[in-house]
Amino acid sequence: ADTIQTEKYLRGALSPENSLVFEARLVVDGHLRRNAFWQAQVNRLTRLYHRKQLKAEVEAVHQKLFHDPGRAHFRDSITSIFNDY
């Protein structure tokens, strides 16, 4: 139950009243405070990992669209959009 509550707190999904109660619990409960800290770290690392994966996928699409000779027409169309400005 604390894990779910912590996740909701970290995502900002708790009501203001429940957030205050949770924050008060963090002050008095060292175990909850440590678990919340590590849960926040796991969330952060997960976001970074997915961000890195997304960047790699976007780069692969970019390489395919802009460096494949068979897609020269597409590349020229996109380039012309920016050349007009």
PDB file of N, CA and C in Angstrom:
ATOM      1  N   ALA A   1       0.832  -1.194   0.000  1.00  0.00           N
ATOM      2  CA  ALA A   1       0.000   0.000   0.000  1.00  0.00           C
ATOM      3  C   ALA A   1       0.874   1.254   0.000  1.00  0.00           C
ATOM      4  N   ASP A   2       1.996   1.222   0.748  1.00  0.00           N
ATOM      5  CA  ASP A   2       2.880   2.387   0.773  1.00  0.00           C
ATOM      6  C   ASP A   2       3.514   2.635  -0.591  1.00  0.00           C
ATOM      7  N   THR A   3       3.812   1.568  -1.314  1.00  0.00           N
ATOM      8  CA  THR A   3       4.419   1.729  -2.635  1.00  0.00           C
ATOM      9  C   THR A   3       3.456   2.439  -3.574  1.00  0.00           C
ATOM     10  N   ILE A   4       2.204   2.056  -3.544  1.00  0.00           N
ATOM     11  CA  ILE A   4       1.195   2.696  -4.403  1.00  0.00           C
ATOM     12  C   ILE A   4       1.009   4.148  -3.990  1.00  0.00           C
ATOM     13  N   GLN A   5       0.917   4.381  -2.700  1.00  0.00           N
ATOM     14  CA  GLN A   5       0.760   5.750  -2.186  1.00  0.00           C
ATOM     15  C   GLN A   5       1.971   6.601  -2.564  1.00  0.00           C
ATOM     16  N   THR A   6       3.164   6.031  -2.434  1.00  0.00           N
ATOM     17  CA  THR A   6       4.382   6.752  -2.786  1.00  0.00           C
ATOM     18  C   THR A   6       4.387   7.089  -4.268  1.00  0.00           C
ATOM     19  N   GLU A   7       4.017   6.139  -5.097  1.00  0.00           N
ATOM     20  CA  GLU A   7       3.989   6.386  -6.542  1.00  0.00           C
ATOM     21  C   GLU A   7       3.010   7.503  -6.876  1.00  0.00           C
ATOM     22  N   LYS A   8       1.851   7.469  -6.278  1.00  0.00           N
ATOM     23  CA  LYS A   8       0.870   8.537  -6.514  1.00  0.00           C
ATOM     24  C   LYS A   8       1.423   9.889  -6.052  1.00  0.00           C
ATOM     25  N   TYR A   9       2.103   9.892  -4.923  1.00  0.00           N
ATOM     26  CA  TYR A   9       2.702  11.127  -4.406  1.00  0.00           C
ATOM     27  C   TYR A   9       3.754  11.657  -5.381  1.00  0.00           C
ATOM     28  N   LEU A  10       4.621  10.761  -5.849  1.00  0.00           N
ATOM     29  CA  LEU A  10       5.697  11.180  -6.758  1.00  0.00           C
ATOM     30  C   LEU A  10       5.150  11.700  -8.084  1.00  0.00           C
ATOM     31  N   ARG A  11       4.037  11.164  -8.531  1.00  0.00           N
ATOM     32  CA  ARG A  11       3.431  11.619  -9.790  1.00  0.00           C
ATOM     33  C   ARG A  11       2.540  12.840  -9.597  1.00  0.00           C
ATOM     34  N   GLY A  12       2.335  13.251  -8.349  1.00  0.00           N
ATOM     35  CA  GLY A  12       1.465  14.393  -8.079  1.00  0.00           C
ATOM     36  C   GLY A  12      -0.004  14.036  -8.219  1.00  0.00           C
ATOM     37  N   ALA A  13      -0.326  12.761  -8.015  1.00  0.00           N
ATOM     38  CA  ALA A  13      -1.698  12.290  -8.217  1.00  0.00           C
ATOM     39  C   ALA A  13      -2.511  12.242  -6.924  1.00  0.00           C
ATOM     40  N   LEU A  14      -1.922  12.656  -5.810  1.00  0.00           N
ATOM     41  CA  LEU A  14      -2.672  12.687  -4.555  1.00  0.00           C
ATOM     42  C   LEU A  14      -3.375  14.030  -4.409  1.00  0.00           C
ATOM     43  N   SER A  15      -4.482  14.022  -3.702  1.00  0.00           N
ATOM     44  CA  SER A  15      -5.160  15.283  -3.392  1.00  0.00           C
ATOM     45  C   SER A  15      -4.235  16.105  -2.492  1.00  0.00           C
ATOM     46  N   PRO A  16      -4.446  17.402  -2.437  1.00  0.00           N
ATOM     47  CA  PRO A  16      -3.595  18.232  -1.565  1.00  0.00           C
ATOM     48  C   PRO A  16      -3.605  17.748  -0.102  1.00  0.00           C
ATOM     49  N   GLU A  17      -4.783  17.316   0.376  1.00  0.00           N
ATOM     50  CA  GLU A  17      -4.872  16.841   1.754  1.00  0.00           C
ATOM     51  C   GLU A  17      -4.040  15.575   1.945  1.00  0.00           C
ATOM     52  N   ASN A  18      -4.178  14.626   1.011  1.00  0.00           N
ATOM     53  CA  ASN A  18      -3.428  13.380   1.119  1.00  0.00           C
ATOM     54  C   ASN A  18      -1.928  13.602   0.931  1.00  0.00           C
ATOM     55  N   SER A  19      -1.565  14.574   0.118  1.00  0.00           N
ATOM     56  CA  SER A  19      -0.148  14.909  -0.038  1.00  0.00           C
ATOM     57  C   SER A  19       0.436  15.414   1.277  1.00  0.00           C
ATOM     58  N   LEU A  20      -0.305  16.275   1.960  1.00  0.00           N
ATOM     59  CA  LEU A  20       0.161  16.790   3.251  1.00  0.00           C
ATOM     60  C   LEU A  20       0.326  15.664   4.270  1.00  0.00           C
ATOM     61  N   VAL A  21      -0.640  14.743   4.295  1.00  0.00           N
ATOM     62  CA  VAL A  21      -0.544  13.613   5.222  1.00  0.00           C
ATOM     63  C   VAL A  21       0.666  12.754   4.863  1.00  0.00           C
ATOM     64  N   PHE A  22       0.861  12.514   3.575  1.00  0.00           N
ATOM     65  CA  PHE A  22       1.998  11.698   3.151  1.00  0.00           C
ATOM     66  C   PHE A  22       3.315  12.388   3.513  1.00  0.00           C
ATOM     67  N   GLU A  23       3.399  13.687   3.292  1.00  0.00           N
ATOM     68  CA  GLU A  23       4.614  14.428   3.639  1.00  0.00           C
ATOM     69  C   GLU A  23       4.878  14.381   5.139  1.00  0.00           C
ATOM     70  N   ALA A  24       3.831  14.441   5.935  1.00  0.00           N
ATOM     71  CA  ALA A  24       3.994  14.326   7.384  1.00  0.00           C
ATOM     72  C   ALA A  24       4.521  12.933   7.738  1.00  0.00           C
ATOM     73  N   ARG A  25       4.012  11.916   7.076  1.00  0.00           N
ATOM     74  CA  ARG A  25       4.501  10.554   7.309  1.00  0.00           C
ATOM     75  C   ARG A  25       5.969  10.437   6.917  1.00  0.00           C
ATOM     76  N   LEU A  26       6.371  11.113   5.845  1.00  0.00           N
ATOM     77  CA  LEU A  26       7.775  11.084   5.426  1.00  0.00           C
ATOM     78  C   LEU A  26       8.689  11.659   6.508  1.00  0.00           C
ATOM     79  N   VAL A  27       8.207  12.687   7.178  1.00  0.00           N
ATOM     80  CA  VAL A  27       9.007  13.329   8.226  1.00  0.00           C
ATOM     81  C   VAL A  27       9.222  12.391   9.404  1.00  0.00           C
ATOM     82  N   VAL A  28       8.194  11.641   9.777  1.00  0.00           N
ATOM     83  CA  VAL A  28       8.291  10.831  10.995  1.00  0.00           C
ATOM     84  C   VAL A  28       8.685   9.373  10.744  1.00  0.00           C
ATOM     85  N   ASP A  29       8.582   8.911   9.512  1.00  0.00           N
ATOM     86  CA  ASP A  29       8.844   7.496   9.210  1.00  0.00           C
ATOM     87  C   ASP A  29      10.073   7.370   8.309  1.00  0.00           C
ATOM     88  N   GLY A  30      11.205   7.077   8.938  1.00  0.00           N
ATOM     89  CA  GLY A  30      12.460   6.963   8.190  1.00  0.00           C
ATOM     90  C   GLY A  30      12.428   5.865   7.142  1.00  0.00           C
ATOM     91  N   HIS A  31      11.760   4.756   7.448  1.00  0.00           N
ATOM     92  CA  HIS A  31      11.652   3.648   6.490  1.00  0.00           C
ATOM     93  C   HIS A  31      10.886   4.102   5.239  1.00  0.00           C
ATOM     94  N   LEU A  32       9.774   4.784   5.445  1.00  0.00           N
ATOM     95  CA  LEU A  32       8.984   5.294   4.313  1.00  0.00           C
ATOM     96  C   LEU A  32       9.797   6.318   3.529  1.00  0.00           C
ATOM     97  N   ARG A  33      10.516   7.177   4.244  1.00  0.00           N
ATOM     98  CA  ARG A  33      11.335   8.207   3.599  1.00  0.00           C
ATOM     99  C   ARG A  33      12.405   7.569   2.701  1.00  0.00           C
ATOM    100  N   ARG A  34      13.092   6.536   3.201  1.00  0.00           N
ATOM    101  CA  ARG A  34      14.107   5.834   2.394  1.00  0.00           C
ATOM    102  C   ARG A  34      13.477   5.151   1.185  1.00  0.00           C
ATOM    103  N   ASN A  35      12.357   4.479   1.415  1.00  0.00           N
ATOM    104  CA  ASN A  35      11.694   3.803   0.301  1.00  0.00           C
ATOM    105  C   ASN A  35      11.224   4.801  -0.756  1.00  0.00           C
ATOM    106  N   ALA A  36      10.704   5.933  -0.323  1.00  0.00           N
ATOM    107  CA  ALA A  36      10.248   6.963  -1.267  1.00  0.00           C
ATOM    108  C   ALA A  36      11.432   7.518  -2.059  1.00  0.00           C
ATOM    109  N   PHE A  37      12.557   7.719  -1.381  1.00  0.00           N
ATOM    110  CA  PHE A  37      13.761   8.201  -2.057  1.00  0.00           C
ATOM    111  C   PHE A  37      14.183   7.223  -3.146  1.00  0.00           C
ATOM    112  N   TRP A  38      14.266   5.938  -2.793  1.00  0.00           N
ATOM    113  CA  TRP A  38      14.721   4.945  -3.770  1.00  0.00           C
ATOM    114  C   TRP A  38      13.697   4.724  -4.879  1.00  0.00           C
ATOM    115  N   GLN A  39      12.433   4.832  -4.543  1.00  0.00           N
ATOM    116  CA  GLN A  39      11.409   4.720  -5.581  1.00  0.00           C
ATOM    117  C   GLN A  39      11.526   5.885  -6.561  1.00  0.00           C
ATOM    118  N   ALA A  40      11.800   7.068  -6.056  1.00  0.00           N
ATOM    119  CA  ALA A  40      11.998   8.236  -6.930  1.00  0.00           C
ATOM    120  C   ALA A  40      13.227   8.041  -7.815  1.00  0.00           C
ATOM    121  N   GLN A  41      14.285   7.448  -7.267  1.00  0.00           N
ATOM    122  CA  GLN A  41      15.492   7.190  -8.064  1.00  0.00           C
ATOM    123  C   GLN A  41      15.221   6.183  -9.169  1.00  0.00           C
ATOM    124  N   VAL A  42      14.484   5.127  -8.845  1.00  0.00           N
ATOM    125  CA  VAL A  42      14.131   4.123  -9.855  1.00  0.00           C
ATOM    126  C   VAL A  42      13.294   4.768 -10.956  1.00  0.00           C
ATOM    127  N   ASN A  43      12.334   5.605 -10.566  1.00  0.00           N
ATOM    128  CA  ASN A  43      11.505   6.296 -11.568  1.00  0.00           C
ATOM    129  C   ASN A  43      12.368   7.172 -12.468  1.00  0.00           C
ATOM    130  N   ARG A  44      13.300   7.884 -11.874  1.00  0.00           N
ATOM    131  CA  ARG A  44      14.185   8.771 -12.638  1.00  0.00           C
ATOM    132  C   ARG A  44      15.033   7.977 -13.625  1.00  0.00           C
ATOM    133  N   LEU A  45      15.626   6.883 -13.158  1.00  0.00           N
ATOM    134  CA  LEU A  45      16.451   6.055 -14.033  1.00  0.00           C
ATOM    135  C   LEU A  45      15.625   5.419 -15.147  1.00  0.00           C
ATOM    136  N   THR A  46      14.414   5.024 -14.829  1.00  0.00           N
ATOM    137  CA  THR A  46      13.526   4.448 -15.840  1.00  0.00           C
ATOM    138  C   THR A  46      13.203   5.478 -16.916  1.00  0.00           C
ATOM    139  N   ARG A  47      12.898   6.708 -16.497  1.00  0.00           N
ATOM    140  CA  ARG A  47      12.620   7.775 -17.476  1.00  0.00           C
ATOM    141  C   ARG A  47      13.844   8.043 -18.352  1.00  0.00           C
ATOM    142  N   LEU A  48      15.024   8.086 -17.740  1.00  0.00           N
ATOM    143  CA  LEU A  48      16.247   8.317 -18.505  1.00  0.00           C
ATOM    144  C   LEU A  48      16.497   7.193 -19.507  1.00  0.00           C
ATOM    145  N   TYR A  49      16.276   5.961 -19.080  1.00  0.00           N
ATOM    146  CA  TYR A  49      16.464   4.816 -19.973  1.00  0.00           C
ATOM    147  C   TYR A  49      15.511   4.907 -21.159  1.00  0.00           C
ATOM    148  N   HIS A  50      14.233   5.187 -20.885  1.00  0.00           N
ATOM    149  CA  HIS A  50      13.258   5.274 -21.967  1.00  0.00           C
ATOM    150  C   HIS A  50      13.541   6.466 -22.880  1.00  0.00           C
ATOM    151  N   ARG A  51      14.024   7.534 -22.302  1.00  0.00           N
ATOM    152  CA  ARG A  51      14.394   8.701 -23.109  1.00  0.00           C
ATOM    153  C   ARG A  51      15.547   8.347 -24.055  1.00  0.00           C
ATOM    154  N   LYS A  52      16.519   7.615 -23.529  1.00  0.00           N
ATOM    155  CA  LYS A  52      17.654   7.187 -24.346  1.00  0.00           C
ATOM    156  C   LYS A  52      17.182   6.260 -25.466  1.00  0.00           C
ATOM    157  N   GLN A  53      16.273   5.344 -25.133  1.00  0.00           N
ATOM    158  CA  GLN A  53      15.733   4.425 -26.134  1.00  0.00           C
ATOM    159  C   GLN A  53      14.975   5.193 -27.216  1.00  0.00           C
ATOM    160  N   LEU A  54      14.168   6.162 -26.810  1.00  0.00           N
ATOM    161  CA  LEU A  54      13.402   6.964 -27.767  1.00  0.00           C
ATOM    162  C   LEU A  54      14.326   7.753 -28.680  1.00  0.00           C
ATOM    163  N   LYS A  55      15.383   8.335 -28.109  1.00  0.00           N
ATOM    164  CA  LYS A  55      16.346   9.075 -28.931  1.00  0.00           C
ATOM    165  C   LYS A  55      16.996   8.160 -29.960  1.00  0.00           C
ATOM    166  N   ALA A  56      17.307   6.927 -29.576  1.00  0.00           N
ATOM    167  CA  ALA A  56      17.910   5.975 -30.514  1.00  0.00           C
ATOM    168  C   ALA A  56      16.927   5.619 -31.628  1.00  0.00           C
ATOM    169  N   GLU A  57      15.659   5.449 -31.274  1.00  0.00           N
ATOM    170  CA  GLU A  57      14.643   5.147 -32.286  1.00  0.00           C
ATOM    171  C   GLU A  57      14.461   6.315 -33.251  1.00  0.00           C
ATOM    172  N   VAL A  58      14.433   7.525 -32.726  1.00  0.00           N
ATOM    173  CA  VAL A  58      14.288   8.715 -33.569  1.00  0.00           C
ATOM    174  C   VAL A  58      15.491   8.856 -34.495  1.00  0.00           C
ATOM    175  N   GLU A  59      16.673   8.607 -33.976  1.00  0.00           N
ATOM    176  CA  GLU A  59      17.879   8.690 -34.802  1.00  0.00           C
ATOM    177  C   GLU A  59      17.847   7.646 -35.911  1.00  0.00           C
ATOM    178  N   ALA A  60      17.352   6.446 -35.617  1.00  0.00           N
ATOM    179  CA  ALA A  60      17.250   5.401 -36.647  1.00  0.00           C
ATOM    180  C   ALA A  60      16.290   5.816 -37.750  1.00  0.00           C
ATOM    181  N   VAL A  61      15.160   6.416 -37.372  1.00  0.00           N
ATOM    182  CA  VAL A  61      14.206   6.914 -38.376  1.00  0.00           C
ATOM    183  C   VAL A  61      14.851   8.034 -39.187  1.00  0.00           C
ATOM    184  N   HIS A  62      15.548   8.927 -38.511  1.00  0.00           N
ATOM    185  CA  HIS A  62      16.229  10.024 -39.202  1.00  0.00           C
ATOM    186  C   HIS A  62      17.219   9.482 -40.231  1.00  0.00           C
ATOM    187  N   GLN A  63      18.015   8.513 -39.832  1.00  0.00           N
ATOM    188  CA  GLN A  63      18.989   7.927 -40.752  1.00  0.00           C
ATOM    189  C   GLN A  63      18.289   7.309 -41.955  1.00  0.00           C
ATOM    190  N   LYS A  64      17.209   6.611 -41.691  1.00  0.00           N
ATOM    191  CA  LYS A  64      16.483   5.946 -42.772  1.00  0.00           C
ATOM    192  C   LYS A  64      15.880   6.970 -43.741  1.00  0.00           C
ATOM    193  N   LEU A  65      15.286   8.024 -43.207  1.00  0.00           N
ATOM    194  CA  LEU A  65      14.598   9.002 -44.054  1.00  0.00           C
ATOM    195  C   LEU A  65      15.542   9.946 -44.784  1.00  0.00           C
ATOM    196  N   PHE A  66      16.623  10.322 -44.141  1.00  0.00           N
ATOM    197  CA  PHE A  66      17.466  11.364 -44.721  1.00  0.00           C
ATOM    198  C   PHE A  66      18.750  10.855 -45.359  1.00  0.00           C
ATOM    199  N   HIS A  67      19.052   9.595 -45.215  1.00  0.00           N
ATOM    200  CA  HIS A  67      20.290   9.098 -45.804  1.00  0.00           C
ATOM    201  C   HIS A  67      20.076   7.946 -46.778  1.00  0.00           C
ATOM    202  N   ASP A  68      18.846   7.514 -46.942  1.00  0.00           N
ATOM    203  CA  ASP A  68      18.523   6.460 -47.902  1.00  0.00           C
ATOM    204  C   ASP A  68      18.319   7.105 -49.270  1.00  0.00           C
ATOM    205  N   PRO A  69      19.123   6.726 -50.265  1.00  0.00           N
ATOM    206  CA  PRO A  69      18.983   7.327 -51.599  1.00  0.00           C
ATOM    207  C   PRO A  69      17.577   7.159 -52.181  1.00  0.00           C
ATOM    208  N   GLY A  70      16.879   6.130 -51.786  1.00  0.00           N
ATOM    209  CA  GLY A  70      15.523   5.915 -52.282  1.00  0.00           C
ATOM    210  C   GLY A  70      14.516   6.899 -51.728  1.00  0.00           C
ATOM    211  N   ARG A  71      14.903   7.650 -50.741  1.00  0.00           N
ATOM    212  CA  ARG A  71      14.000   8.627 -50.124  1.00  0.00           C
ATOM    213  C   ARG A  71      14.455  10.064 -50.402  1.00  0.00           C
ATOM    214  N   ALA A  72      15.174  10.253 -51.459  1.00  0.00           N
ATOM    215  CA  ALA A  72      15.693  11.582 -51.810  1.00  0.00           C
ATOM    216  C   ALA A  72      14.562  12.580 -52.021  1.00  0.00           C
ATOM    217  N   HIS A  73      13.463  12.138 -52.630  1.00  0.00           N
ATOM    218  CA  HIS A  73      12.340  13.051 -52.875  1.00  0.00           C
ATOM    219  C   HIS A  73      11.779  13.565 -51.543  1.00  0.00           C
ATOM    220  N   PHE A  74      11.614  12.673 -50.592  1.00  0.00           N
ATOM    221  CA  PHE A  74      11.119  13.073 -49.268  1.00  0.00           C
ATOM    222  C   PHE A  74      12.086  14.062 -48.622  1.00  0.00           C
ATOM    223  N   ARG A  75      13.374  13.734 -48.648  1.00  0.00           N
ATOM    224  CA  ARG A  75      14.391  14.603 -48.051  1.00  0.00           C
ATOM    225  C   ARG A  75      14.353  15.989 -48.695  1.00  0.00           C
ATOM    226  N   ASP A  76      14.244  16.030 -50.024  1.00  0.00           N
ATOM    227  CA  ASP A  76      14.201  17.314 -50.721  1.00  0.00           C
ATOM    228  C   ASP A  76      12.944  18.098 -50.363  1.00  0.00           C
ATOM    229  N   SER A  77      11.821  17.405 -50.205  1.00  0.00           N
ATOM    230  CA  SER A  77      10.568  18.079 -49.830  1.00  0.00           C
ATOM    231  C   SER A  77      10.690  18.728 -48.466  1.00  0.00           C
ATOM    232  N   ILE A  78      11.256  17.994 -47.521  1.00  0.00           N
ATOM    233  CA  ILE A  78      11.404  18.534 -46.172  1.00  0.00           C
ATOM    234  C   ILE A  78      12.402  19.687 -46.167  1.00  0.00           C
ATOM    235  N   THR A  79      13.502  19.534 -46.864  1.00  0.00           N
ATOM    236  CA  THR A  79      14.519  20.579 -46.909  1.00  0.00           C
ATOM    237  C   THR A  79      13.957  21.857 -47.529  1.00  0.00           C
ATOM    238  N   SER A  80      13.119  21.707 -48.550  1.00  0.00           N
ATOM    239  CA  SER A  80      12.560  22.895 -49.211  1.00  0.00           C
ATOM    240  C   SER A  80      11.648  23.678 -48.270  1.00  0.00           C
ATOM    241  N   ILE A  81      11.007  23.006 -47.357  1.00  0.00           N
ATOM    242  CA  ILE A  81      10.145  23.704 -46.392  1.00  0.00           C
ATOM    243  C   ILE A  81      10.976  24.706 -45.585  1.00  0.00           C
ATOM    244  N   PHE A  82      12.156  24.288 -45.178  1.00  0.00           N
ATOM    245  CA  PHE A  82      12.989  25.139 -44.324  1.00  0.00           C
ATOM    246  C   PHE A  82      13.790  26.146 -45.144  1.00  0.00           C
ATOM    247  N   ASN A  83      14.002  25.865 -46.401  1.00  0.00           N
ATOM    248  CA  ASN A  83      14.717  26.815 -47.252  1.00  0.00           C
ATOM    249  C   ASN A  83      13.865  28.022 -47.599  1.00  0.00           C
ATOM    250  N   ASP A  84      12.543  27.884 -47.479  1.00  0.00           N
ATOM    251  CA  ASP A  84      11.640  28.975 -47.794  1.00  0.00           C
ATOM    252  C   ASP A  84      11.629  30.056 -46.723  1.00  0.00           C
ATOM    253  N   TYR A  85      12.214  29.764 -45.553  1.00  0.00           N
ATOM    254  CA  TYR A  85      12.184  30.745 -44.456  1.00  0.00           C
ATOM    255  C   TYR A  85      13.464  31.466 -44.309  1.00  0.00           C
TER     256      TYR A  85
END
